[in-house]
Structures are given as C-alpha cells and as structure tokens.
Amino acid sequence: MQVANGNTDSMYNISSETELVQVQASLKDSVRRLLLVLQEEDDDDRSRLMLIRTIHQLQSLGIAYHFHQEIRGILLSLHQQQQQQHRQHHLDLHSAALLFRMLRGLGIPASTGGTVSCFI
C-alpha cells in the first residue's frame, strides 16, 4: 500500500503495520506543528483566518479528534483575546461564523455580540 504525505512527488511505501503506525504518527506531528506555527503567528489577521479555516478543514475531514487538545487551546485563546482586549478580529462573515460554531461546539459560551454582530 502507498500513502501520500501531502507532496505528490514522494510516496510512502508501506509494507507492514508498524510502518503504517509510524507514518500516521509522522503525519499527525506535521499537522500539530502546522497548528503551532499558525498559533504563534496569531497577531497577524491573515494567520488567524488561516488557523480558523485549517481547524474547519480538519473537522470536515473527520480527523479533528486527533488534535482535540490543540484545537481547544487555540479556540480558547482566540476567544479570550476577543473578550479581554475587546477587539474585533478582522474576520469575514464566513470565518466569524466558523469561529462561533466551533466555540459553541466545544461548549465555550460565545455570544453573537462578540463574534458576528458586526455583520448584522
């Protein structure tokens, strides 16, 4: 069996279950590093949008449960920044709605006043 690692030029040639587990762990680590890099660049609005959309894509692919702790921490951080600094992130309507849905999905009490009210 062959599994792509995101780069179309290189493929993993997996011949055993042990190798498959190693490849899976490597891919999970790559995604974790991506989330950390995007979170570190959180001061930039573009990075914030990318972070929200990346989390949404992980959820859409059905693999977000592998990164539940990281995602929860990122969303809590975004929410706390919004609450403490009373600043509105420059989010488009789609990203604001995604953030609101993800916060509510994790049980974080987000109000429409802090997330999507500027579009109403």
N, C-alpha and C. Protein backbone atom coordinates (compact mmCIF):
# COMPACT_ATOMS: atom_id res chain seq x y z
N MET A 1 0.84 -1.17 0.00
CA MET A 1 0.00 0.00 0.00
C MET A 1 0.90 1.24 0.00
N GLN A 2 0.43 2.30 -0.69
CA GLN A 2 1.17 3.55 -0.71
C GLN A 2 0.27 4.67 -0.19
N VAL A 3 0.87 5.54 0.61
CA VAL A 3 0.15 6.67 1.19
C VAL A 3 0.91 7.93 0.87
N ALA A 4 0.20 8.95 0.37
CA ALA A 4 0.85 10.23 0.07
C ALA A 4 1.07 11.01 1.35
N ASN A 5 2.14 11.76 1.41
CA ASN A 5 2.42 12.57 2.60
C ASN A 5 2.12 14.04 2.35
N GLY A 6 1.28 14.32 1.37
CA GLY A 6 0.94 15.70 1.08
C GLY A 6 1.76 16.26 -0.07
N ASN A 7 2.84 15.63 -0.40
CA ASN A 7 3.69 16.04 -1.51
C ASN A 7 3.52 14.99 -2.60
N THR A 8 3.10 15.42 -3.78
CA THR A 8 2.80 14.46 -4.84
C THR A 8 4.05 13.78 -5.37
N ASP A 9 5.21 14.33 -5.09
CA ASP A 9 6.45 13.73 -5.59
C ASP A 9 6.92 12.55 -4.75
N SER A 10 6.54 12.50 -3.49
CA SER A 10 7.04 11.42 -2.64
C SER A 10 5.88 10.61 -2.09
N MET A 11 6.05 9.32 -2.06
CA MET A 11 5.04 8.40 -1.54
C MET A 11 5.72 7.50 -0.52
N TYR A 12 4.97 7.12 0.48
CA TYR A 12 5.47 6.15 1.44
C TYR A 12 5.14 4.76 0.90
N ASN A 13 6.10 3.90 0.89
CA ASN A 13 5.87 2.51 0.53
C ASN A 13 5.74 1.74 1.84
N ILE A 14 4.52 1.42 2.18
CA ILE A 14 4.25 0.82 3.47
C ILE A 14 4.09 -0.69 3.29
N SER A 15 4.97 -1.43 3.96
CA SER A 15 4.93 -2.87 3.81
C SER A 15 4.52 -3.59 5.08
N SER A 16 4.36 -2.87 6.18
CA SER A 16 3.96 -3.53 7.42
C SER A 16 3.08 -2.60 8.24
N GLU A 17 2.39 -3.17 9.18
CA GLU A 17 1.52 -2.38 10.05
C GLU A 17 2.32 -1.43 10.92
N THR A 18 3.51 -1.83 11.32
CA THR A 18 4.38 -0.98 12.12
C THR A 18 4.76 0.28 11.35
N GLU A 19 5.07 0.11 10.08
CA GLU A 19 5.41 1.28 9.26
C GLU A 19 4.20 2.19 9.10
N LEU A 20 3.02 1.61 8.97
CA LEU A 20 1.80 2.41 8.84
C LEU A 20 1.59 3.26 10.09
N VAL A 21 1.79 2.69 11.25
CA VAL A 21 1.65 3.42 12.51
C VAL A 21 2.67 4.55 12.58
N GLN A 22 3.89 4.30 12.12
CA GLN A 22 4.93 5.33 12.12
C GLN A 22 4.57 6.47 11.17
N VAL A 23 4.04 6.13 10.00
CA VAL A 23 3.63 7.15 9.03
C VAL A 23 2.49 7.99 9.60
N GLN A 24 1.51 7.32 10.22
CA GLN A 24 0.40 8.05 10.83
C GLN A 24 0.90 9.01 11.91
N ALA A 25 1.81 8.56 12.74
CA ALA A 25 2.35 9.41 13.80
C ALA A 25 3.11 10.59 13.21
N SER A 26 3.84 10.35 12.13
CA SER A 26 4.58 11.42 11.47
C SER A 26 3.63 12.46 10.89
N LEU A 27 2.56 12.02 10.26
CA LEU A 27 1.59 12.95 9.68
C LEU A 27 0.86 13.74 10.76
N LYS A 28 0.53 13.09 11.87
CA LYS A 28 -0.10 13.80 12.99
C LYS A 28 0.83 14.87 13.54
N ASP A 29 2.10 14.53 13.67
CA ASP A 29 3.08 15.51 14.16
C ASP A 29 3.19 16.70 13.22
N SER A 30 3.13 16.43 11.92
CA SER A 30 3.19 17.52 10.93
C SER A 30 2.02 18.47 11.09
N VAL A 31 0.83 17.93 11.30
CA VAL A 31 -0.35 18.77 11.49
C VAL A 31 -0.24 19.55 12.80
N ARG A 32 0.23 18.91 13.85
CA ARG A 32 0.41 19.61 15.14
C ARG A 32 1.38 20.78 14.99
N ARG A 33 2.48 20.54 14.26
CA ARG A 33 3.45 21.62 14.04
C ARG A 33 2.81 22.76 13.25
N LEU A 34 2.00 22.43 12.24
CA LEU A 34 1.31 23.45 11.46
C LEU A 34 0.41 24.29 12.36
N LEU A 35 -0.36 23.63 13.22
CA LEU A 35 -1.23 24.37 14.12
C LEU A 35 -0.44 25.27 15.07
N LEU A 36 0.68 24.77 15.56
CA LEU A 36 1.52 25.59 16.46
C LEU A 36 2.11 26.79 15.74
N VAL A 37 2.57 26.59 14.53
CA VAL A 37 3.14 27.70 13.75
C VAL A 37 2.08 28.76 13.50
N LEU A 38 0.88 28.33 13.10
CA LEU A 38 -0.19 29.29 12.85
C LEU A 38 -0.61 30.00 14.13
N GLN A 39 -0.59 29.29 15.25
CA GLN A 39 -0.95 29.90 16.52
C GLN A 39 0.09 30.92 16.96
N GLU A 40 1.36 30.64 16.72
CA GLU A 40 2.42 31.58 17.09
C GLU A 40 2.34 32.86 16.28
N GLU A 41 1.83 32.78 15.07
CA GLU A 41 1.68 33.96 14.22
C GLU A 41 0.30 34.58 14.38
N ASP A 42 -0.31 34.37 15.55
CA ASP A 42 -1.69 34.77 15.81
C ASP A 42 -1.91 36.28 15.77
N ASP A 43 -0.85 37.08 15.87
CA ASP A 43 -1.01 38.52 15.84
C ASP A 43 -1.43 39.01 14.47
N ASP A 44 -1.16 38.23 13.47
CA ASP A 44 -1.47 38.57 12.09
C ASP A 44 -2.89 38.11 11.76
N ASP A 45 -3.72 39.00 11.22
CA ASP A 45 -5.10 38.64 10.88
C ASP A 45 -5.15 37.52 9.84
N ARG A 46 -4.23 37.55 8.90
CA ARG A 46 -4.20 36.51 7.86
C ARG A 46 -3.93 35.14 8.48
N SER A 47 -3.02 35.07 9.43
CA SER A 47 -2.72 33.81 10.12
C SER A 47 -3.91 33.34 10.93
N ARG A 48 -4.61 34.28 11.54
CA ARG A 48 -5.80 33.94 12.32
C ARG A 48 -6.86 33.32 11.43
N LEU A 49 -7.07 33.92 10.26
CA LEU A 49 -8.04 33.36 9.31
C LEU A 49 -7.61 31.97 8.85
N MET A 50 -6.34 31.82 8.57
CA MET A 50 -5.82 30.53 8.14
C MET A 50 -6.00 29.48 9.23
N LEU A 51 -5.78 29.88 10.47
CA LEU A 51 -5.92 28.97 11.60
C LEU A 51 -7.37 28.50 11.74
N ILE A 52 -8.30 29.41 11.68
CA ILE A 52 -9.72 29.06 11.78
C ILE A 52 -10.12 28.13 10.64
N ARG A 53 -9.69 28.44 9.45
CA ARG A 53 -10.06 27.61 8.30
C ARG A 53 -9.36 26.25 8.31
N THR A 54 -8.15 26.20 8.85
CA THR A 54 -7.44 24.92 8.97
C THR A 54 -8.17 24.01 9.95
N ILE A 55 -8.59 24.56 11.07
CA ILE A 55 -9.34 23.78 12.05
C ILE A 55 -10.64 23.28 11.42
N HIS A 56 -11.30 24.15 10.67
CA HIS A 56 -12.54 23.74 10.00
C HIS A 56 -12.28 22.59 9.02
N GLN A 57 -11.19 22.66 8.28
CA GLN A 57 -10.86 21.59 7.34
C GLN A 57 -10.59 20.28 8.06
N LEU A 58 -9.89 20.34 9.19
CA LEU A 58 -9.64 19.13 9.98
C LEU A 58 -10.96 18.53 10.45
N GLN A 59 -11.90 19.38 10.84
CA GLN A 59 -13.21 18.89 11.26
C GLN A 59 -13.96 18.29 10.09
N SER A 60 -13.89 18.94 8.94
CA SER A 60 -14.58 18.44 7.75
C SER A 60 -14.03 17.09 7.30
N LEU A 61 -12.73 16.89 7.46
CA LEU A 61 -12.11 15.62 7.09
C LEU A 61 -12.37 14.53 8.11
N GLY A 62 -12.88 14.91 9.28
CA GLY A 62 -13.18 13.94 10.31
C GLY A 62 -11.97 13.49 11.11
N ILE A 63 -10.92 14.30 11.11
CA ILE A 63 -9.70 13.92 11.84
C ILE A 63 -9.37 14.89 12.98
N ALA A 64 -10.27 15.82 13.25
CA ALA A 64 -10.01 16.82 14.29
C ALA A 64 -9.89 16.19 15.67
N TYR A 65 -10.50 15.03 15.88
CA TYR A 65 -10.43 14.40 17.19
C TYR A 65 -8.99 14.02 17.57
N HIS A 66 -8.13 13.85 16.58
CA HIS A 66 -6.72 13.58 16.86
C HIS A 66 -6.03 14.79 17.51
N PHE A 67 -6.59 15.97 17.28
CA PHE A 67 -5.96 17.22 17.71
C PHE A 67 -6.88 18.01 18.64
N HIS A 68 -7.73 17.31 19.36
CA HIS A 68 -8.74 17.95 20.19
C HIS A 68 -8.12 18.93 21.20
N GLN A 69 -7.07 18.51 21.88
CA GLN A 69 -6.44 19.38 22.89
C GLN A 69 -5.89 20.65 22.25
N GLU A 70 -5.19 20.51 21.13
CA GLU A 70 -4.61 21.67 20.46
C GLU A 70 -5.69 22.62 19.97
N ILE A 71 -6.74 22.06 19.35
CA ILE A 71 -7.82 22.89 18.82
C ILE A 71 -8.54 23.62 19.95
N ARG A 72 -8.82 22.91 21.02
CA ARG A 72 -9.50 23.55 22.16
C ARG A 72 -8.66 24.70 22.71
N GLY A 73 -7.36 24.47 22.85
CA GLY A 73 -6.48 25.53 23.34
C GLY A 73 -6.44 26.74 22.42
N ILE A 74 -6.39 26.49 21.13
CA ILE A 74 -6.35 27.58 20.15
C ILE A 74 -7.64 28.38 20.20
N LEU A 75 -8.78 27.69 20.21
CA LEU A 75 -10.07 28.39 20.22
C LEU A 75 -10.27 29.15 21.53
N LEU A 76 -9.86 28.56 22.64
CA LEU A 76 -9.96 29.29 23.92
C LEU A 76 -9.10 30.54 23.89
N SER A 77 -7.91 30.43 23.31
CA SER A 77 -7.02 31.57 23.21
C SER A 77 -7.64 32.68 22.35
N LEU A 78 -8.20 32.32 21.22
CA LEU A 78 -8.85 33.31 20.35
C LEU A 78 -10.02 33.98 21.08
N HIS A 79 -10.80 33.18 21.77
CA HIS A 79 -11.95 33.70 22.50
C HIS A 79 -11.53 34.62 23.63
N GLN A 80 -10.50 34.24 24.38
CA GLN A 80 -10.02 35.06 25.49
C GLN A 80 -9.45 36.39 24.99
N GLN A 81 -8.74 36.34 23.88
CA GLN A 81 -8.22 37.58 23.30
C GLN A 81 -9.36 38.51 22.96
N GLN A 82 -10.40 37.95 22.38
CA GLN A 82 -11.55 38.75 21.99
C GLN A 82 -12.24 39.35 23.22
N GLN A 83 -12.36 38.57 24.29
CA GLN A 83 -13.03 39.03 25.50
C GLN A 83 -12.21 40.04 26.28
N GLN A 84 -10.92 39.77 26.46
CA GLN A 84 -10.07 40.62 27.29
C GLN A 84 -9.74 41.94 26.62
N GLN A 85 -9.44 41.88 25.37
CA GLN A 85 -8.99 43.09 24.68
C GLN A 85 -10.14 43.83 24.01
N HIS A 86 -11.32 43.25 24.06
CA HIS A 86 -12.49 43.85 23.41
C HIS A 86 -12.17 44.28 21.98
N ARG A 87 -11.37 43.46 21.34
CA ARG A 87 -11.02 43.81 19.97
C ARG A 87 -11.73 42.88 19.02
N GLN A 88 -12.12 43.43 17.93
CA GLN A 88 -12.74 42.63 16.88
C GLN A 88 -11.65 42.21 15.91
N HIS A 89 -11.56 40.93 15.71
CA HIS A 89 -10.63 40.46 14.70
C HIS A 89 -11.22 40.81 13.35
N HIS A 90 -10.38 41.05 12.40
CA HIS A 90 -10.85 41.38 11.06
C HIS A 90 -11.19 40.08 10.33
N LEU A 91 -12.34 39.52 10.69
CA LEU A 91 -12.79 38.28 10.10
C LEU A 91 -13.87 38.57 9.08
N ASP A 92 -13.88 37.80 8.01
CA ASP A 92 -15.00 37.89 7.09
C ASP A 92 -16.16 37.12 7.72
N LEU A 93 -17.34 37.23 7.12
CA LEU A 93 -18.53 36.60 7.70
C LEU A 93 -18.36 35.09 7.82
N HIS A 94 -17.78 34.47 6.81
CA HIS A 94 -17.59 33.02 6.83
C HIS A 94 -16.71 32.59 8.00
N SER A 95 -15.58 33.27 8.19
CA SER A 95 -14.66 32.92 9.27
C SER A 95 -15.26 33.21 10.64
N ALA A 96 -16.00 34.32 10.75
CA ALA A 96 -16.65 34.66 12.02
C ALA A 96 -17.69 33.60 12.37
N ALA A 97 -18.45 33.14 11.38
CA ALA A 97 -19.45 32.10 11.62
C ALA A 97 -18.78 30.78 12.00
N LEU A 98 -17.66 30.46 11.33
CA LEU A 98 -16.92 29.24 11.68
C LEU A 98 -16.43 29.29 13.11
N LEU A 99 -15.84 30.42 13.49
CA LEU A 99 -15.33 30.57 14.85
C LEU A 99 -16.46 30.43 15.86
N PHE A 100 -17.58 31.07 15.61
CA PHE A 100 -18.73 31.00 16.50
C PHE A 100 -19.20 29.55 16.65
N ARG A 101 -19.34 28.83 15.53
CA ARG A 101 -19.79 27.44 15.55
C ARG A 101 -18.81 26.54 16.29
N MET A 102 -17.52 26.75 16.05
CA MET A 102 -16.52 25.91 16.71
C MET A 102 -16.47 26.17 18.21
N LEU A 103 -16.59 27.43 18.61
CA LEU A 103 -16.61 27.76 20.04
C LEU A 103 -17.81 27.11 20.72
N ARG A 104 -18.98 27.26 20.11
CA ARG A 104 -20.18 26.68 20.67
C ARG A 104 -20.10 25.15 20.67
N GLY A 105 -19.49 24.58 19.64
CA GLY A 105 -19.35 23.13 19.54
C GLY A 105 -18.50 22.54 20.66
N LEU A 106 -17.57 23.33 21.17
CA LEU A 106 -16.72 22.88 22.28
C LEU A 106 -17.30 23.27 23.64
N GLY A 107 -18.48 23.87 23.62
CA GLY A 107 -19.10 24.26 24.88
C GLY A 107 -18.58 25.55 25.45
N ILE A 108 -17.90 26.33 24.63
CA ILE A 108 -17.38 27.63 25.07
C ILE A 108 -18.49 28.66 24.86
N PRO A 109 -18.89 29.36 25.91
CA PRO A 109 -20.04 30.27 25.80
C PRO A 109 -19.71 31.52 24.97
N ALA A 110 -19.88 31.41 23.69
CA ALA A 110 -19.63 32.53 22.78
C ALA A 110 -20.96 33.20 22.47
N SER A 111 -20.96 34.51 22.46
CA SER A 111 -22.18 35.22 22.12
C SER A 111 -22.06 35.77 20.71
N THR A 112 -23.20 35.97 20.09
CA THR A 112 -23.18 36.55 18.74
C THR A 112 -22.70 37.99 18.78
N GLY A 113 -22.84 38.64 19.93
CA GLY A 113 -22.39 40.02 20.07
C GLY A 113 -20.89 40.17 19.88
N GLY A 114 -20.12 39.19 20.29
CA GLY A 114 -18.67 39.29 20.18
C GLY A 114 -18.11 38.72 18.91
N THR A 115 -18.92 37.95 18.17
CA THR A 115 -18.36 37.25 17.03
C THR A 115 -18.94 37.71 15.70
N VAL A 116 -20.27 37.73 15.60
CA VAL A 116 -20.86 38.00 14.29
C VAL A 116 -21.74 39.26 14.25
N SER A 117 -21.85 39.98 15.34
CA SER A 117 -22.77 41.13 15.38
C SER A 117 -22.40 42.24 14.39
N CYS A 118 -21.13 42.36 14.05
CA CYS A 118 -20.73 43.44 13.15
C CYS A 118 -21.25 43.22 11.73
N PHE A 119 -21.79 42.02 11.44
CA PHE A 119 -22.31 41.72 10.12
C PHE A 119 -23.83 41.88 10.05
N ILE A 120 -24.45 42.07 11.22
CA ILE A 120 -25.91 42.15 11.26
C ILE A 120 -26.35 43.58 11.11
